[in-house]
Amino acid sequence: MARRRNNDISPEEFRELIREINKRMIIAGLIVIGVGLAIIGLMTLAYGG
């Protein structure tokens, strides 16, 4: 279980943290979509889909 830390992050810092996490999640999602499309493209070429 994660330990809870109290009163060591301000609302502004929390907002910045959430924004940074969102940015990383979007980048990760785009990478996953790109890899998925590349695999579909290769399969289509390989099997003449």
N, C-alpha and C. Protein backbone atom coordinates (compact mmCIF):
# COMPACT_ATOMS: atom_id res chain seq x y z
N MET A 1 0.82 -1.20 0.00
CA MET A 1 0.00 0.00 0.00
C MET A 1 0.87 1.26 0.00
N ALA A 2 0.44 2.24 -0.73
CA ALA A 2 1.20 3.49 -0.80
C ALA A 2 1.00 4.29 0.48
N ARG A 3 2.09 4.87 0.96
CA ARG A 3 1.98 5.73 2.14
C ARG A 3 1.40 7.06 1.72
N ARG A 4 0.57 7.60 2.55
CA ARG A 4 -0.02 8.91 2.25
C ARG A 4 0.81 10.01 2.86
N ARG A 5 1.16 10.99 2.03
CA ARG A 5 1.89 12.15 2.54
C ARG A 5 0.91 13.32 2.60
N ASN A 6 0.91 14.02 3.69
CA ASN A 6 -0.05 15.12 3.87
C ASN A 6 0.62 16.48 3.76
N ASN A 7 -0.08 17.41 3.11
CA ASN A 7 0.29 18.82 3.07
C ASN A 7 1.68 19.09 2.49
N ASP A 8 2.13 18.27 1.54
CA ASP A 8 3.44 18.56 0.95
C ASP A 8 3.34 18.92 -0.53
N ILE A 9 2.10 19.05 -1.02
CA ILE A 9 1.93 19.46 -2.42
C ILE A 9 0.76 20.45 -2.49
N SER A 10 1.01 21.56 -3.15
CA SER A 10 -0.02 22.59 -3.26
C SER A 10 -0.97 22.24 -4.42
N PRO A 11 -2.16 22.81 -4.41
CA PRO A 11 -3.10 22.55 -5.53
C PRO A 11 -2.49 22.88 -6.89
N GLU A 12 -1.67 23.95 -6.94
CA GLU A 12 -1.03 24.32 -8.21
C GLU A 12 -0.04 23.26 -8.66
N GLU A 13 0.74 22.73 -7.72
CA GLU A 13 1.69 21.66 -8.04
C GLU A 13 0.95 20.40 -8.49
N PHE A 14 -0.17 20.14 -7.83
CA PHE A 14 -0.98 18.96 -8.19
C PHE A 14 -1.50 19.10 -9.62
N ARG A 15 -1.99 20.30 -9.96
CA ARG A 15 -2.49 20.55 -11.32
C ARG A 15 -1.38 20.34 -12.35
N GLU A 16 -0.19 20.84 -12.02
CA GLU A 16 0.96 20.69 -12.93
C GLU A 16 1.31 19.21 -13.09
N LEU A 17 1.26 18.46 -11.99
CA LEU A 17 1.56 17.03 -12.04
C LEU A 17 0.55 16.30 -12.92
N ILE A 18 -0.73 16.61 -12.76
CA ILE A 18 -1.78 15.98 -13.57
C ILE A 18 -1.57 16.32 -15.04
N ARG A 19 -1.21 17.57 -15.32
CA ARG A 19 -0.97 17.98 -16.71
C ARG A 19 0.18 17.18 -17.32
N GLU A 20 1.25 16.99 -16.54
CA GLU A 20 2.41 16.23 -17.01
C GLU A 20 2.04 14.77 -17.26
N ILE A 21 1.27 14.18 -16.35
CA ILE A 21 0.83 12.79 -16.51
C ILE A 21 -0.03 12.66 -17.76
N ASN A 22 -0.95 13.61 -17.96
CA ASN A 22 -1.81 13.57 -19.15
C ASN A 22 -0.97 13.62 -20.43
N LYS A 23 0.04 14.50 -20.44
CA LYS A 23 0.91 14.62 -21.61
C LYS A 23 1.58 13.28 -21.92
N ARG A 24 2.11 12.64 -20.87
CA ARG A 24 2.80 11.36 -21.06
C ARG A 24 1.83 10.28 -21.51
N MET A 25 0.60 10.28 -20.98
CA MET A 25 -0.39 9.29 -21.38
C MET A 25 -0.78 9.47 -22.85
N ILE A 26 -0.92 10.71 -23.29
CA ILE A 26 -1.25 10.98 -24.69
C ILE A 26 -0.12 10.49 -25.60
N ILE A 27 1.12 10.77 -25.24
CA ILE A 27 2.26 10.32 -26.03
C ILE A 27 2.29 8.80 -26.09
N ALA A 28 2.10 8.15 -24.94
CA ALA A 28 2.10 6.68 -24.89
C ALA A 28 0.97 6.13 -25.76
N GLY A 29 -0.20 6.74 -25.70
CA GLY A 29 -1.33 6.30 -26.52
C GLY A 29 -1.04 6.42 -28.00
N LEU A 30 -0.43 7.52 -28.40
CA LEU A 30 -0.09 7.71 -29.82
C LEU A 30 0.93 6.67 -30.27
N ILE A 31 1.89 6.34 -29.41
CA ILE A 31 2.87 5.31 -29.75
C ILE A 31 2.18 3.96 -29.94
N VAL A 32 1.28 3.61 -29.02
CA VAL A 32 0.56 2.34 -29.11
C VAL A 32 -0.26 2.29 -30.39
N ILE A 33 -0.97 3.38 -30.72
CA ILE A 33 -1.77 3.42 -31.94
C ILE A 33 -0.86 3.29 -33.17
N GLY A 34 0.26 3.99 -33.16
CA GLY A 34 1.21 3.91 -34.28
C GLY A 34 1.74 2.51 -34.49
N VAL A 35 2.13 1.86 -33.40
CA VAL A 35 2.64 0.48 -33.49
C VAL A 35 1.54 -0.45 -33.99
N GLY A 36 0.33 -0.27 -33.47
CA GLY A 36 -0.80 -1.10 -33.91
C GLY A 36 -1.08 -0.94 -35.40
N LEU A 37 -1.08 0.29 -35.88
CA LEU A 37 -1.31 0.52 -37.31
C LEU A 37 -0.18 -0.06 -38.15
N ALA A 38 1.06 0.03 -37.66
CA ALA A 38 2.20 -0.54 -38.39
C ALA A 38 2.05 -2.06 -38.49
N ILE A 39 1.63 -2.70 -37.41
CA ILE A 39 1.44 -4.16 -37.43
C ILE A 39 0.32 -4.53 -38.40
N ILE A 40 -0.79 -3.79 -38.36
CA ILE A 40 -1.90 -4.07 -39.29
C ILE A 40 -1.42 -3.89 -40.73
N GLY A 41 -0.66 -2.83 -40.98
CA GLY A 41 -0.13 -2.60 -42.33
C GLY A 41 0.77 -3.72 -42.79
N LEU A 42 1.66 -4.17 -41.92
CA LEU A 42 2.56 -5.28 -42.28
C LEU A 42 1.79 -6.56 -42.53
N MET A 43 0.79 -6.84 -41.71
CA MET A 43 -0.02 -8.05 -41.90
C MET A 43 -0.77 -7.98 -43.23
N THR A 44 -1.29 -6.80 -43.54
CA THR A 44 -2.02 -6.62 -44.81
C THR A 44 -1.08 -6.86 -45.99
N LEU A 45 0.13 -6.32 -45.92
CA LEU A 45 1.10 -6.53 -46.99
C LEU A 45 1.52 -7.99 -47.07
N ALA A 46 1.74 -8.61 -45.92
CA ALA A 46 2.22 -9.99 -45.89
C ALA A 46 1.18 -10.97 -46.42
N TYR A 47 -0.08 -10.75 -46.08
CA TYR A 47 -1.12 -11.71 -46.46
C TYR A 47 -2.01 -11.20 -47.58
N GLY A 48 -1.70 -10.06 -48.14
CA GLY A 48 -2.44 -9.54 -49.28
C GLY A 48 -3.88 -9.22 -48.97
N GLY A 49 -4.19 -8.97 -47.71
CA GLY A 49 -5.48 -8.71 -47.13
C GLY A 49 -6.53 -8.17 -48.02
